[in-house]
Structure formats: structure tokens, C-alpha cells
Amino acid sequence: MPAQYVAPSKFGLFRIVRHGRRWRSLLGDCELARHDDVAAALAYLHTSCPRARLPVVLEHWRYLAEPPARLAQASINDEDWLLVG
């Protein structure tokens, strides 16, 4: 999984994910749009989802370089993976 920025809201988890040379803006697992730079992705989310009250600057989003090791190894039969912190 590539690097990503995340911000929770009452509508779900918003994500800005780097994918190759482009950036994707997502709500949960649903891709909303693709952008040439991270600033464009942030601006798009603010204009398209103003009621979500997302952080205005990217520095206030949570940066994830990669998924937690436990999450990456979770399987369908592993029901307690959400409880692991």
C-alpha cells in the first residue's frame, strides 16, 4: 500500500493516497477523483465535501507510510484484528 494521509469525519474515513505519480482522493474504499498533486486532492475534497469539516492543511491530516503490520496480515478468518492496537 502506498503512502497516504487520512482524516476521519462523520461521513467516514477520507484518504489522500499517492499512487505512482498521481494522487487519489477517497472516501472509505471509494475513489472520488485523481489529481496531479496532493494540494489538488486536498482542495477537491474541501470543495466537494464541505460538510465533512476536514482539516484545512495537510499537516493536520494523519500520515501513514504503510499499513500497520497486524492489519496487513489480517485474514477473513481473523475476527479479532480490530481489537489489536
C-alpha atoms as a PDB file:
ATOM      1  CA  MET A   1       0.000   0.000   0.000  1.00  0.00           C
ATOM      2  CA  PRO A   2       1.418   3.414  -0.923  1.00  0.00           C
ATOM      3  CA  ALA A   3       1.815   6.359   1.452  1.00  0.00           C
ATOM      4  CA  GLN A   4      -1.394   8.079   2.430  1.00  0.00           C
ATOM      5  CA  TYR A   5      -2.959  10.835   4.502  1.00  0.00           C
ATOM      6  CA  VAL A   6      -6.165  10.102   6.427  1.00  0.00           C
ATOM      7  CA  ALA A   7      -8.786  12.184   8.238  1.00  0.00           C
ATOM      8  CA  PRO A   8     -11.883  10.801   9.954  1.00  0.00           C
ATOM      9  CA  SER A   9     -15.258  12.517   9.652  1.00  0.00           C
ATOM     10  CA  LYS A  10     -18.892  11.748  10.400  1.00  0.00           C
ATOM     11  CA  PHE A  11     -19.223  10.559   6.785  1.00  0.00           C
ATOM     12  CA  GLY A  12     -16.356   8.074   7.010  1.00  0.00           C
ATOM     13  CA  LEU A  13     -12.602   7.966   6.598  1.00  0.00           C
ATOM     14  CA  PHE A  14     -11.254  10.356   3.975  1.00  0.00           C
ATOM     15  CA  ARG A  15      -7.942   9.420   2.397  1.00  0.00           C
ATOM     16  CA  ILE A  16      -5.463  11.022   0.043  1.00  0.00           C
ATOM     17  CA  VAL A  17      -3.290   8.258  -1.396  1.00  0.00           C
ATOM     18  CA  ARG A  18      -0.211   8.512  -3.576  1.00  0.00           C
ATOM     19  CA  HIS A  19      -0.435   6.035  -6.437  1.00  0.00           C
ATOM     20  CA  GLY A  20       2.547   6.236  -8.759  1.00  0.00           C
ATOM     21  CA  ARG A  21       2.952   9.844  -9.823  1.00  0.00           C
ATOM     22  CA  ARG A  22      -0.711  10.714  -9.184  1.00  0.00           C
ATOM     23  CA  TRP A  23      -2.793  11.209  -6.053  1.00  0.00           C
ATOM     24  CA  ARG A  24      -6.226   9.741  -5.385  1.00  0.00           C
ATOM     25  CA  SER A  25      -8.886  11.173  -3.101  1.00  0.00           C
ATOM     26  CA  LEU A  26     -11.055   8.545  -1.456  1.00  0.00           C
ATOM     27  CA  LEU A  27     -13.911   8.202   0.983  1.00  0.00           C
ATOM     28  CA  GLY A  28     -13.501   4.824   2.609  1.00  0.00           C
ATOM     29  CA  ASP A  29     -12.593   2.477  -0.239  1.00  0.00           C
ATOM     30  CA  CYS A  30     -14.472   4.515  -2.865  1.00  0.00           C
ATOM     31  CA  GLU A  31     -12.263   6.576  -5.153  1.00  0.00           C
ATOM     32  CA  LEU A  32     -13.671  10.058  -5.711  1.00  0.00           C
ATOM     33  CA  ALA A  33     -11.085  11.553  -8.097  1.00  0.00           C
ATOM     34  CA  ARG A  34      -7.459  11.525  -9.307  1.00  0.00           C
ATOM     35  CA  HIS A  35      -5.101  14.501  -9.111  1.00  0.00           C
ATOM     36  CA  ASP A  36      -1.664  15.606 -10.292  1.00  0.00           C
ATOM     37  CA  ASP A  37      -0.563  16.786  -6.832  1.00  0.00           C
ATOM     38  CA  VAL A  38      -1.560  16.458  -3.199  1.00  0.00           C
ATOM     39  CA  ALA A  39      -2.706  20.104  -2.975  1.00  0.00           C
ATOM     40  CA  ALA A  40      -5.235  19.494  -5.750  1.00  0.00           C
ATOM     41  CA  ALA A  41      -6.552  16.426  -3.929  1.00  0.00           C
ATOM     42  CA  LEU A  42      -6.951  18.382  -0.692  1.00  0.00           C
ATOM     43  CA  ALA A  43      -8.694  21.271  -2.489  1.00  0.00           C
ATOM     44  CA  TYR A  44     -11.025  18.838  -4.261  1.00  0.00           C
ATOM     45  CA  LEU A  45     -12.110  17.201  -1.002  1.00  0.00           C
ATOM     46  CA  HIS A  46     -12.775  20.572   0.622  1.00  0.00           C
ATOM     47  CA  THR A  47     -14.916  21.829  -2.235  1.00  0.00           C
ATOM     48  CA  SER A  48     -16.792  18.580  -2.866  1.00  0.00           C
ATOM     49  CA  CYS A  49     -17.384  17.646   0.799  1.00  0.00           C
ATOM     50  CA  PRO A  50     -17.639  20.905   2.819  1.00  0.00           C
ATOM     51  CA  ARG A  51     -19.892  19.371   5.490  1.00  0.00           C
ATOM     52  CA  ALA A  52     -17.211  16.806   6.369  1.00  0.00           C
ATOM     53  CA  ARG A  53     -15.165  19.535   8.152  1.00  0.00           C
ATOM     54  CA  LEU A  54     -11.832  18.118   7.020  1.00  0.00           C
ATOM     55  CA  PRO A  55      -8.569  19.680   8.223  1.00  0.00           C
ATOM     56  CA  VAL A  56      -7.639  22.641   6.022  1.00  0.00           C
ATOM     57  CA  VAL A  57      -3.894  21.963   5.892  1.00  0.00           C
ATOM     58  CA  LEU A  58      -2.334  18.618   5.057  1.00  0.00           C
ATOM     59  CA  GLU A  59      -0.102  18.773   8.157  1.00  0.00           C
ATOM     60  CA  HIS A  60      -3.247  18.227  10.284  1.00  0.00           C
ATOM     61  CA  TRP A  61      -4.071  15.001   8.469  1.00  0.00           C
ATOM     62  CA  ARG A  62      -2.579  11.771   9.798  1.00  0.00           C
ATOM     63  CA  TYR A  63       0.264  10.468   7.633  1.00  0.00           C
ATOM     64  CA  LEU A  64       0.599   6.696   7.189  1.00  0.00           C
ATOM     65  CA  ALA A  65       3.737   5.490   5.433  1.00  0.00           C
ATOM     66  CA  GLU A  66       2.384   1.943   5.333  1.00  0.00           C
ATOM     67  CA  PRO A  67      -0.378  -0.079   6.982  1.00  0.00           C
ATOM     68  CA  PRO A  68       0.192  -1.478  10.479  1.00  0.00           C
ATOM     69  CA  ALA A  69       1.828  -4.907  10.297  1.00  0.00           C
ATOM     70  CA  ARG A  70      -1.112  -6.616  12.014  1.00  0.00           C
ATOM     71  CA  LEU A  71      -3.625  -5.072   9.623  1.00  0.00           C
ATOM     72  CA  ALA A  72      -1.612  -6.124   6.585  1.00  0.00           C
ATOM     73  CA  GLN A  73      -1.707  -9.736   7.787  1.00  0.00           C
ATOM     74  CA  ALA A  74      -5.391  -9.840   8.730  1.00  0.00           C
ATOM     75  CA  SER A  75      -7.364 -12.592   7.063  1.00  0.00           C
ATOM     76  CA  ILE A  76     -11.052 -13.321   6.633  1.00  0.00           C
ATOM     77  CA  ASN A  77     -10.912 -15.869   9.461  1.00  0.00           C
ATOM     78  CA  ASP A  78      -9.180 -13.462  11.829  1.00  0.00           C
ATOM     79  CA  GLU A  79     -12.141 -11.847  13.625  1.00  0.00           C
ATOM     80  CA  ASP A  80     -10.287 -10.018  16.441  1.00  0.00           C
ATOM     81  CA  TRP A  81      -7.840  -7.963  14.346  1.00  0.00           C
ATOM     82  CA  LEU A  82      -9.761  -4.734  15.079  1.00  0.00           C
ATOM     83  CA  LEU A  83      -9.010  -5.161  18.791  1.00  0.00           C
ATOM     84  CA  VAL A  84      -5.243  -5.197  18.283  1.00  0.00           C
ATOM     85  CA  GLY A  85      -3.706  -1.742  18.822  1.00  0.00           C
END
